[in-house]
All heavy atoms as atom14 arrays in JSON, in Angstrom:
{
  "sequence": "LNVSREAALDHVLGYCVVNDVSERAWQAERGGQWTKGKSFPNFCP",
  "atom14_mask": [
    [1, 1, 1, 1, 1, 1, 1, 1, 0, 0, 0, 0, 0, 0],
    [1, 1, 1, 1, 1, 1, 1, 1, 0, 0, 0, 0, 0, 0],
    [1, 1, 1, 1, 1, 1, 1, 0, 0, 0, 0, 0, 0, 0],
    [1, 1, 1, 1, 1, 1, 0, 0, 0, 0, 0, 0, 0, 0],
    [1, 1, 1, 1, 1, 1, 1, 1, 1, 1, 1, 0, 0, 0],
    [1, 1, 1, 1, 1, 1, 1, 1, 1, 0, 0, 0, 0, 0],
    [1, 1, 1, 1, 1, 0, 0, 0, 0, 0, 0, 0, 0, 0],
    [1, 1, 1, 1, 1, 0, 0, 0, 0, 0, 0, 0, 0, 0],
    [1, 1, 1, 1, 1, 1, 1, 1, 0, 0, 0, 0, 0, 0],
    [1, 1, 1, 1, 1, 1, 1, 1, 0, 0, 0, 0, 0, 0],
    [1, 1, 1, 1, 1, 1, 1, 1, 1, 1, 0, 0, 0, 0],
    [1, 1, 1, 1, 1, 1, 1, 0, 0, 0, 0, 0, 0, 0],
    [1, 1, 1, 1, 1, 1, 1, 1, 0, 0, 0, 0, 0, 0],
    [1, 1, 1, 1, 0, 0, 0, 0, 0, 0, 0, 0, 0, 0],
    [1, 1, 1, 1, 1, 1, 1, 1, 1, 1, 1, 1, 0, 0],
    [1, 1, 1, 1, 1, 1, 0, 0, 0, 0, 0, 0, 0, 0],
    [1, 1, 1, 1, 1, 1, 1, 0, 0, 0, 0, 0, 0, 0],
    [1, 1, 1, 1, 1, 1, 1, 0, 0, 0, 0, 0, 0, 0],
    [1, 1, 1, 1, 1, 1, 1, 1, 0, 0, 0, 0, 0, 0],
    [1, 1, 1, 1, 1, 1, 1, 1, 0, 0, 0, 0, 0, 0],
    [1, 1, 1, 1, 1, 1, 1, 0, 0, 0, 0, 0, 0, 0],
    [1, 1, 1, 1, 1, 1, 0, 0, 0, 0, 0, 0, 0, 0],
    [1, 1, 1, 1, 1, 1, 1, 1, 1, 0, 0, 0, 0, 0],
    [1, 1, 1, 1, 1, 1, 1, 1, 1, 1, 1, 0, 0, 0],
    [1, 1, 1, 1, 1, 0, 0, 0, 0, 0, 0, 0, 0, 0],
    [1, 1, 1, 1, 1, 1, 1, 1, 1, 1, 1, 1, 1, 1],
    [1, 1, 1, 1, 1, 1, 1, 1, 1, 0, 0, 0, 0, 0],
    [1, 1, 1, 1, 1, 0, 0, 0, 0, 0, 0, 0, 0, 0],
    [1, 1, 1, 1, 1, 1, 1, 1, 1, 0, 0, 0, 0, 0],
    [1, 1, 1, 1, 1, 1, 1, 1, 1, 1, 1, 0, 0, 0],
    [1, 1, 1, 1, 0, 0, 0, 0, 0, 0, 0, 0, 0, 0],
    [1, 1, 1, 1, 0, 0, 0, 0, 0, 0, 0, 0, 0, 0],
    [1, 1, 1, 1, 1, 1, 1, 1, 1, 0, 0, 0, 0, 0],
    [1, 1, 1, 1, 1, 1, 1, 1, 1, 1, 1, 1, 1, 1],
    [1, 1, 1, 1, 1, 1, 1, 0, 0, 0, 0, 0, 0, 0],
    [1, 1, 1, 1, 1, 1, 1, 1, 1, 0, 0, 0, 0, 0],
    [1, 1, 1, 1, 0, 0, 0, 0, 0, 0, 0, 0, 0, 0],
    [1, 1, 1, 1, 1, 1, 1, 1, 1, 0, 0, 0, 0, 0],
    [1, 1, 1, 1, 1, 1, 0, 0, 0, 0, 0, 0, 0, 0],
    [1, 1, 1, 1, 1, 1, 1, 1, 1, 1, 1, 0, 0, 0],
    [1, 1, 1, 1, 1, 1, 1, 0, 0, 0, 0, 0, 0, 0],
    [1, 1, 1, 1, 1, 1, 1, 1, 0, 0, 0, 0, 0, 0],
    [1, 1, 1, 1, 1, 1, 1, 1, 1, 1, 1, 0, 0, 0],
    [1, 1, 1, 1, 1, 1, 0, 0, 0, 0, 0, 0, 0, 0],
    [1, 1, 1, 1, 1, 1, 1, 0, 0, 0, 0, 0, 0, 0]
  ],
  "atom14_positions": [
    [[-73.66, -77.84, -131.48], [-74.75, -78.51, -132.17], [-75.96, -78.58, -131.23], [-75.9, -79.13, -130.2], [-74.36, -79.84, -132.69], [-75.3, -80.63, -133.45], [-75.61, -79.97, -134.82], [-75.04, -82.04, -133.73], [0.0, 0.0, 0.0], [0.0, 0.0, 0.0], [0.0, 0.0, 0.0], [0.0, 0.0, 0.0], [0.0, 0.0, 0.0], [0.0, 0.0, 0.0]],
    [[-77.15, -77.87, -131.77], [-78.34, -77.93, -130.96], [-78.07, -77.37, -129.53], [-78.57, -77.92, -128.55], [-78.92, -79.19, -130.86], [-79.7, -79.71, -132.15], [-80.2, -78.84, -132.85], [-79.61, -80.96, -132.55], [0.0, 0.0, 0.0], [0.0, 0.0, 0.0], [0.0, 0.0, 0.0], [0.0, 0.0, 0.0], [0.0, 0.0, 0.0], [0.0, 0.0, 0.0]],
    [[-77.43, -76.24, -129.42], [-77.15, -75.62, -128.14], [-78.2, -74.62, -127.93], [-78.75, -73.92, -128.83], [-75.79, -74.91, -128.09], [-74.69, -76.02, -128.31], [-75.57, -73.88, -128.98], [0.0, 0.0, 0.0], [0.0, 0.0, 0.0], [0.0, 0.0, 0.0], [0.0, 0.0, 0.0], [0.0, 0.0, 0.0], [0.0, 0.0, 0.0], [0.0, 0.0, 0.0]],
    [[-78.59, -74.39, -126.62], [-79.61, -73.38, -126.27], [-78.93, -72.02, -126.32], [-77.69, -71.79, -126.25], [-80.06, -73.66, -124.82], [-79.07, -73.44, -123.8], [0.0, 0.0, 0.0], [0.0, 0.0, 0.0], [0.0, 0.0, 0.0], [0.0, 0.0, 0.0], [0.0, 0.0, 0.0], [0.0, 0.0, 0.0], [0.0, 0.0, 0.0], [0.0, 0.0, 0.0]],
    [[-79.86, -70.98, -126.32], [-79.32, -69.6, -126.36], [-78.63, -69.35, -125.02], [-77.55, -68.69, -124.98], [-80.6, -68.63, -126.41], [-80.06, -67.16, -126.6], [-81.2, -66.14, -126.57], [-80.75, -64.8, -126.66], [-80.31, -64.14, -125.69], [-80.35, -64.8, -124.39], [-79.82, -62.86, -125.68], [0.0, 0.0, 0.0], [0.0, 0.0, 0.0], [0.0, 0.0, 0.0]],
    [[-78.99, -69.86, -123.97], [-78.46, -69.62, -122.6], [-77.06, -70.17, -122.54], [-76.2, -69.73, -121.87], [-79.31, -70.32, -121.43], [-80.63, -69.62, -121.25], [-81.61, -69.83, -122.38], [-81.53, -70.83, -123.15], [-82.55, -68.99, -122.54], [0.0, 0.0, 0.0], [0.0, 0.0, 0.0], [0.0, 0.0, 0.0], [0.0, 0.0, 0.0], [0.0, 0.0, 0.0]],
    [[-76.8, -71.34, -123.33], [-75.51, -71.96, -123.26], [-74.52, -71.51, -124.45], [-73.34, -72.01, -124.42], [-75.64, -73.53, -123.26], [0.0, 0.0, 0.0], [0.0, 0.0, 0.0], [0.0, 0.0, 0.0], [0.0, 0.0, 0.0], [0.0, 0.0, 0.0], [0.0, 0.0, 0.0], [0.0, 0.0, 0.0], [0.0, 0.0, 0.0], [0.0, 0.0, 0.0]],
    [[-75.1, -70.72, -125.37], [-74.43, -70.41, -126.54], [-72.97, -69.79, -126.37], [-71.99, -70.16, -127.04], [-75.29, -69.64, -127.43], [0.0, 0.0, 0.0], [0.0, 0.0, 0.0], [0.0, 0.0, 0.0], [0.0, 0.0, 0.0], [0.0, 0.0, 0.0], [0.0, 0.0, 0.0], [0.0, 0.0, 0.0], [0.0, 0.0, 0.0], [0.0, 0.0, 0.0]],
    [[-72.94, -68.77, -125.46], [-71.68, -67.98, -125.32], [-70.55, -68.89, -124.56], [-69.41, -68.55, -124.71], [-71.91, -66.78, -124.49], [-72.82, -65.82, -125.07], [-72.91, -64.45, -124.33], [-72.39, -65.43, -126.59], [0.0, 0.0, 0.0], [0.0, 0.0, 0.0], [0.0, 0.0, 0.0], [0.0, 0.0, 0.0], [0.0, 0.0, 0.0], [0.0, 0.0, 0.0]],
    [[-70.96, -70.06, -124.05], [-69.95, -70.93, -123.53], [-69.21, -71.54, -124.65], [-68.15, -72.21, -124.29], [-70.68, -72.05, -122.66], [-71.26, -71.56, -121.34], [-70.86, -70.33, -120.98], [-72.18, -72.2, -120.88], [0.0, 0.0, 0.0], [0.0, 0.0, 0.0], [0.0, 0.0, 0.0], [0.0, 0.0, 0.0], [0.0, 0.0, 0.0], [0.0, 0.0, 0.0]],
    [[-69.56, -71.5, -125.88], [-68.93, -72.02, -126.97], [-68.06, -71.04, -127.74], [-67.55, -71.37, -128.82], [-70.04, -72.69, -127.93], [-70.67, -73.82, -127.35], [-70.37, -75.15, -127.53], [-71.71, -73.88, -126.54], [-71.22, -75.98, -126.95], [-71.97, -75.23, -126.3], [0.0, 0.0, 0.0], [0.0, 0.0, 0.0], [0.0, 0.0, 0.0], [0.0, 0.0, 0.0]],
    [[-67.94, -69.89, -127.15], [-67.16, -68.83, -127.91], [-65.8, -68.77, -127.43], [-65.65, -68.65, -126.17], [-67.83, -67.44, -127.7], [-66.94, -66.25, -128.26], [-69.19, -67.37, -128.41], [0.0, 0.0, 0.0], [0.0, 0.0, 0.0], [0.0, 0.0, 0.0], [0.0, 0.0, 0.0], [0.0, 0.0, 0.0], [0.0, 0.0, 0.0], [0.0, 0.0, 0.0]],
    [[-64.74, -68.77, -128.21], [-63.4, -68.39, -127.77], [-63.19, -66.92, -127.65], [-62.59, -66.52, -126.55], [-62.48, -68.99, -128.75], [-60.95, -68.67, -128.59], [-60.45, -69.43, -127.4], [-60.04, -69.11, -129.79], [0.0, 0.0, 0.0], [0.0, 0.0, 0.0], [0.0, 0.0, 0.0], [0.0, 0.0, 0.0], [0.0, 0.0, 0.0], [0.0, 0.0, 0.0]],
    [[-63.55, -66.15, -128.53], [-63.37, -64.77, -128.48], [-63.92, -64.07, -129.63], [-64.68, -64.43, -130.46], [0.0, 0.0, 0.0], [0.0, 0.0, 0.0], [0.0, 0.0, 0.0], [0.0, 0.0, 0.0], [0.0, 0.0, 0.0], [0.0, 0.0, 0.0], [0.0, 0.0, 0.0], [0.0, 0.0, 0.0], [0.0, 0.0, 0.0], [0.0, 0.0, 0.0]],
    [[-63.6, -62.68, -129.59], [-64.23, -61.66, -130.61], [-63.15, -60.93, -131.17], [-62.02, -60.71, -130.71], [-65.16, -60.71, -129.86], [-66.24, -61.48, -128.99], [-65.99, -61.87, -127.75], [-67.55, -61.71, -129.56], [-66.98, -62.6, -127.04], [-68.42, -62.36, -128.98], [-68.26, -62.84, -127.71], [-69.24, -63.41, -126.91], [0.0, 0.0, 0.0], [0.0, 0.0, 0.0]],
    [[-63.45, -60.47, -132.45], [-62.37, -59.75, -133.16], [-63.14, -58.81, -134.25], [-64.39, -58.87, -134.46], [-61.54, -60.65, -134.08], [-62.36, -61.9, -135.06], [0.0, 0.0, 0.0], [0.0, 0.0, 0.0], [0.0, 0.0, 0.0], [0.0, 0.0, 0.0], [0.0, 0.0, 0.0], [0.0, 0.0, 0.0], [0.0, 0.0, 0.0], [0.0, 0.0, 0.0]],
    [[-62.39, -57.99, -134.84], [-62.85, -57.07, -135.96], [-62.85, -57.8, -137.28], [-61.82, -58.43, -137.56], [-62.03, -55.77, -136.15], [-62.66, -54.82, -137.13], [-61.98, -55.02, -134.73], [0.0, 0.0, 0.0], [0.0, 0.0, 0.0], [0.0, 0.0, 0.0], [0.0, 0.0, 0.0], [0.0, 0.0, 0.0], [0.0, 0.0, 0.0], [0.0, 0.0, 0.0]],
    [[-63.88, -57.72, -138.17], [-63.83, -58.24, -139.45], [-64.35, -57.23, -140.4], [-65.34, -56.45, -140.24], [-64.8, -59.52, -139.49], [-64.98, -60.02, -141.0], [-64.16, -60.67, -138.67], [0.0, 0.0, 0.0], [0.0, 0.0, 0.0], [0.0, 0.0, 0.0], [0.0, 0.0, 0.0], [0.0, 0.0, 0.0], [0.0, 0.0, 0.0], [0.0, 0.0, 0.0]],
    [[-63.76, -57.21, -141.66], [-64.32, -56.35, -142.79], [-64.89, -57.4, -143.68], [-64.19, -58.09, -144.42], [-63.11, -55.54, -143.47], [-63.71, -54.57, -144.49], [-64.82, -54.58, -144.74], [-62.74, -53.87, -145.09], [0.0, 0.0, 0.0], [0.0, 0.0, 0.0], [0.0, 0.0, 0.0], [0.0, 0.0, 0.0], [0.0, 0.0, 0.0], [0.0, 0.0, 0.0]],
    [[-66.17, -57.37, -143.76], [-66.98, -58.23, -144.68], [-66.99, -57.68, -146.04], [-68.01, -57.1, -146.36], [-68.29, -58.61, -144.07], [-69.16, -59.49, -145.11], [-68.5, -60.13, -145.93], [-70.41, -59.51, -144.85], [0.0, 0.0, 0.0], [0.0, 0.0, 0.0], [0.0, 0.0, 0.0], [0.0, 0.0, 0.0], [0.0, 0.0, 0.0], [0.0, 0.0, 0.0]],
    [[-65.89, -57.59, -146.73], [-65.84, -56.93, -147.98], [-66.78, -57.54, -149.0], [-66.92, -58.8, -149.06], [-64.33, -56.93, -148.59], [-64.17, -56.09, -149.9], [-63.35, -56.48, -147.5], [0.0, 0.0, 0.0], [0.0, 0.0, 0.0], [0.0, 0.0, 0.0], [0.0, 0.0, 0.0], [0.0, 0.0, 0.0], [0.0, 0.0, 0.0], [0.0, 0.0, 0.0]],
    [[-67.4, -56.68, -149.79], [-68.46, -57.14, -150.68], [-68.32, -56.51, -152.09], [-67.9, -55.24, -152.2], [-69.88, -56.79, -150.16], [-70.06, -57.22, -148.87], [0.0, 0.0, 0.0], [0.0, 0.0, 0.0], [0.0, 0.0, 0.0], [0.0, 0.0, 0.0], [0.0, 0.0, 0.0], [0.0, 0.0, 0.0], [0.0, 0.0, 0.0], [0.0, 0.0, 0.0]],
    [[-68.56, -57.19, -153.04], [-68.69, -56.69, -154.52], [-70.11, -56.67, -154.79], [-70.82, -57.7, -155.05], [-67.89, -57.44, -155.44], [-67.25, -56.58, -156.64], [-68.37, -55.98, -157.49], [-69.54, -56.41, -157.59], [-67.89, -54.98, -158.08], [0.0, 0.0, 0.0], [0.0, 0.0, 0.0], [0.0, 0.0, 0.0], [0.0, 0.0, 0.0], [0.0, 0.0, 0.0]],
    [[-70.93, -55.52, -154.7], [-72.32, -55.43, -154.77], [-72.92, -55.83, -156.14], [-73.99, -56.32, -156.2], [-72.74, -53.97, -154.42], [-72.33, -53.56, -152.98], [-72.87, -54.43, -151.91], [-72.51, -53.89, -150.58], [-72.78, -54.35, -149.41], [-73.3, -55.56, -149.41], [-72.53, -53.77, -148.29], [0.0, 0.0, 0.0], [0.0, 0.0, 0.0], [0.0, 0.0, 0.0]],
    [[-72.14, -55.52, -157.24], [-72.72, -55.93, -158.57], [-72.7, -57.5, -158.55], [-73.75, -58.02, -159.03], [-71.89, -55.37, -159.61], [0.0, 0.0, 0.0], [0.0, 0.0, 0.0], [0.0, 0.0, 0.0], [0.0, 0.0, 0.0], [0.0, 0.0, 0.0], [0.0, 0.0, 0.0], [0.0, 0.0, 0.0], [0.0, 0.0, 0.0], [0.0, 0.0, 0.0]],
    [[-71.67, -58.13, -158.11], [-71.71, -59.54, -158.13], [-72.71, -60.11, -157.21], [-73.35, -61.16, -157.42], [-70.34, -60.05, -157.7], [-69.25, -59.66, -158.66], [-69.35, -59.15, -159.85], [-67.83, -59.88, -158.45], [-68.07, -58.93, -160.4], [-67.1, -59.4, -159.58], [-67.08, -60.39, -157.4], [-65.77, -59.5, -159.67], [-65.75, -60.45, -157.5], [-65.06, -60.08, -158.72]],
    [[-72.98, -59.47, -156.09], [-73.93, -60.0, -155.02], [-75.33, -59.67, -155.53], [-76.17, -60.75, -155.27], [-73.7, -59.1, -153.75], [-74.71, -59.46, -152.64], [-74.53, -58.56, -151.39], [-73.66, -57.76, -151.37], [-75.29, -58.79, -150.43], [0.0, 0.0, 0.0], [0.0, 0.0, 0.0], [0.0, 0.0, 0.0], [0.0, 0.0, 0.0], [0.0, 0.0, 0.0]],
    [[-75.66, -58.64, -156.16], [-77.04, -58.36, -156.39], [-77.46, -58.45, -157.92], [-78.74, -58.54, -158.18], [-77.39, -56.98, -155.93], [0.0, 0.0, 0.0], [0.0, 0.0, 0.0], [0.0, 0.0, 0.0], [0.0, 0.0, 0.0], [0.0, 0.0, 0.0], [0.0, 0.0, 0.0], [0.0, 0.0, 0.0], [0.0, 0.0, 0.0], [0.0, 0.0, 0.0]],
    [[-76.51, -58.37, -158.77], [-76.79, -58.26, -160.18], [-76.37, -59.46, -161.02], [-76.6, -59.4, -162.26], [-76.31, -56.91, -160.78], [-76.68, -55.71, -160.14], [-75.83, -54.43, -160.37], [-75.14, -54.55, -161.49], [-75.83, -53.57, -159.64], [0.0, 0.0, 0.0], [0.0, 0.0, 0.0], [0.0, 0.0, 0.0], [0.0, 0.0, 0.0], [0.0, 0.0, 0.0]],
    [[-75.71, -60.44, -160.46], [-75.27, -61.58, -161.1], [-75.9, -62.84, -160.64], [-75.41, -63.86, -160.25], [-73.75, -61.76, -160.89], [-72.97, -60.51, -161.39], [-73.05, -60.39, -162.96], [-72.4, -61.66, -163.67], [-71.17, -61.74, -163.89], [-70.31, -60.8, -163.58], [-70.71, -62.84, -164.52], [0.0, 0.0, 0.0], [0.0, 0.0, 0.0], [0.0, 0.0, 0.0]],
    [[-77.31, -62.79, -160.51], [-78.02, -63.98, -160.1], [-78.49, -63.94, -158.63], [-79.18, -64.87, -158.2], [0.0, 0.0, 0.0], [0.0, 0.0, 0.0], [0.0, 0.0, 0.0], [0.0, 0.0, 0.0], [0.0, 0.0, 0.0], [0.0, 0.0, 0.0], [0.0, 0.0, 0.0], [0.0, 0.0, 0.0], [0.0, 0.0, 0.0], [0.0, 0.0, 0.0]],
    [[-78.22, -62.86, -157.95], [-78.71, -62.7, -156.63], [-78.14, -63.66, -155.57], [-78.71, -64.1, -154.63], [0.0, 0.0, 0.0], [0.0, 0.0, 0.0], [0.0, 0.0, 0.0], [0.0, 0.0, 0.0], [0.0, 0.0, 0.0], [0.0, 0.0, 0.0], [0.0, 0.0, 0.0], [0.0, 0.0, 0.0], [0.0, 0.0, 0.0], [0.0, 0.0, 0.0]],
    [[-76.84, -64.1, -155.82], [-76.17, -65.01, -154.9], [-75.22, -64.22, -154.07], [-74.15, -63.74, -154.53], [-75.45, -66.12, -155.71], [-76.46, -66.93, -156.5], [-75.7, -68.04, -157.35], [-74.63, -68.41, -157.04], [-76.35, -68.39, -158.5], [0.0, 0.0, 0.0], [0.0, 0.0, 0.0], [0.0, 0.0, 0.0], [0.0, 0.0, 0.0], [0.0, 0.0, 0.0]],
    [[-75.53, -64.12, -152.83], [-74.68, -63.33, -151.78], [-73.21, -63.91, -151.84], [-72.3, -63.03, -151.83], [-75.28, -63.36, -150.43], [-76.45, -62.37, -150.38], [-77.29, -61.95, -151.46], [-77.01, -61.85, -149.25], [-78.31, -61.11, -150.96], [-78.08, -60.97, -149.61], [-76.63, -61.81, -147.86], [-78.86, -60.25, -148.71], [-77.42, -61.17, -147.01], [-78.52, -60.35, -147.39]],
    [[-73.03, -65.1, -151.75], [-71.76, -65.73, -151.65], [-70.86, -65.35, -152.83], [-69.65, -65.17, -152.62], [-71.82, -67.24, -151.49], [-72.49, -67.61, -150.3], [-70.48, -67.86, -151.47], [0.0, 0.0, 0.0], [0.0, 0.0, 0.0], [0.0, 0.0, 0.0], [0.0, 0.0, 0.0], [0.0, 0.0, 0.0], [0.0, 0.0, 0.0], [0.0, 0.0, 0.0]],
    [[-71.5, -65.22, -153.99], [-70.69, -64.81, -155.22], [-70.04, -63.41, -155.03], [-68.99, -63.19, -155.51], [-71.66, -64.87, -156.34], [-71.01, -64.64, -157.69], [-72.05, -64.52, -158.8], [-72.89, -65.76, -158.98], [-73.84, -65.71, -159.98], [0.0, 0.0, 0.0], [0.0, 0.0, 0.0], [0.0, 0.0, 0.0], [0.0, 0.0, 0.0], [0.0, 0.0, 0.0]],
    [[-70.8, -62.54, -154.3], [-70.21, -61.25, -154.13], [-69.39, -61.02, -152.85], [-69.0, -59.88, -152.62], [0.0, 0.0, 0.0], [0.0, 0.0, 0.0], [0.0, 0.0, 0.0], [0.0, 0.0, 0.0], [0.0, 0.0, 0.0], [0.0, 0.0, 0.0], [0.0, 0.0, 0.0], [0.0, 0.0, 0.0], [0.0, 0.0, 0.0], [0.0, 0.0, 0.0]],
    [[-69.15, -62.08, -152.12], [-68.48, -62.01, -150.92], [-67.18, -62.86, -150.88], [-66.6, -62.91, -149.77], [-69.39, -62.54, -149.77], [-70.73, -61.76, -149.67], [-70.66, -60.61, -148.83], [-71.95, -59.9, -148.51], [-71.87, -58.8, -147.54], [0.0, 0.0, 0.0], [0.0, 0.0, 0.0], [0.0, 0.0, 0.0], [0.0, 0.0, 0.0], [0.0, 0.0, 0.0]],
    [[-66.73, -63.47, -151.85], [-65.8, -64.55, -151.73], [-64.47, -64.38, -152.55], [-63.75, -65.34, -152.76], [-66.52, -65.89, -152.3], [-67.34, -66.32, -151.26], [0.0, 0.0, 0.0], [0.0, 0.0, 0.0], [0.0, 0.0, 0.0], [0.0, 0.0, 0.0], [0.0, 0.0, 0.0], [0.0, 0.0, 0.0], [0.0, 0.0, 0.0], [0.0, 0.0, 0.0]],
    [[-64.21, -63.1, -153.0], [-62.95, -62.9, -153.7], [-61.85, -62.91, -152.71], [-62.1, -62.56, -151.5], [-62.95, -61.45, -154.35], [-62.08, -61.36, -155.46], [-62.25, -61.94, -156.68], [-60.91, -60.51, -155.33], [-61.36, -61.74, -157.81], [-59.98, -60.32, -156.41], [-60.24, -60.89, -157.6], [0.0, 0.0, 0.0], [0.0, 0.0, 0.0], [0.0, 0.0, 0.0]],
    [[-60.56, -63.3, -153.12], [-59.41, -63.24, -152.25], [-59.27, -61.94, -151.47], [-59.52, -60.91, -151.91], [-58.23, -63.5, -153.03], [-58.73, -64.28, -154.27], [-60.15, -63.8, -154.57], [0.0, 0.0, 0.0], [0.0, 0.0, 0.0], [0.0, 0.0, 0.0], [0.0, 0.0, 0.0], [0.0, 0.0, 0.0], [0.0, 0.0, 0.0], [0.0, 0.0, 0.0]],
    [[-58.94, -62.1, -150.12], [-58.79, -60.93, -149.19], [-60.07, -60.21, -148.85], [-60.0, -59.13, -148.47], [-57.69, -60.01, -149.67], [-56.33, -60.55, -149.53], [-56.05, -61.68, -149.53], [-55.3, -59.65, -149.44], [0.0, 0.0, 0.0], [0.0, 0.0, 0.0], [0.0, 0.0, 0.0], [0.0, 0.0, 0.0], [0.0, 0.0, 0.0], [0.0, 0.0, 0.0]],
    [[-61.2, -60.84, -149.07], [-62.54, -60.25, -148.82], [-62.86, -60.33, -147.3], [-64.09, -60.07, -146.86], [-63.65, -60.73, -149.67], [-63.83, -59.91, -150.91], [-62.92, -59.18, -151.41], [-65.07, -59.86, -151.54], [-63.05, -58.36, -152.64], [-65.41, -59.16, -152.66], [-64.33, -58.38, -153.17], [0.0, 0.0, 0.0], [0.0, 0.0, 0.0], [0.0, 0.0, 0.0]],
    [[-61.98, -60.88, -146.52], [-62.31, -61.04, -145.02], [-61.08, -60.72, -144.19], [-60.58, -61.56, -143.41], [-62.77, -62.48, -144.79], [-63.51, -62.73, -143.1], [0.0, 0.0, 0.0], [0.0, 0.0, 0.0], [0.0, 0.0, 0.0], [0.0, 0.0, 0.0], [0.0, 0.0, 0.0], [0.0, 0.0, 0.0], [0.0, 0.0, 0.0], [0.0, 0.0, 0.0]],
    [[-60.61, -59.51, -144.12], [-59.58, -59.05, -143.29], [-60.09, -59.28, -141.76], [-61.14, -58.79, -141.4], [-59.36, -57.59, -143.49], [-59.9, -57.35, -144.94], [-61.08, -58.38, -145.03], [0.0, 0.0, 0.0], [0.0, 0.0, 0.0], [0.0, 0.0, 0.0], [0.0, 0.0, 0.0], [0.0, 0.0, 0.0], [0.0, 0.0, 0.0], [0.0, 0.0, 0.0]]
  ]
}
């Protein structure tokens, strides 16, 4: 909370691969809400 850029990486446990799966019609054509197009089950391997 309110950490500096210089101290930021001290708060990281580690790194991994993510697939940010997206449904573009839901994201862009159903009210322009990104979360709506990003939140179906298994959309974050």
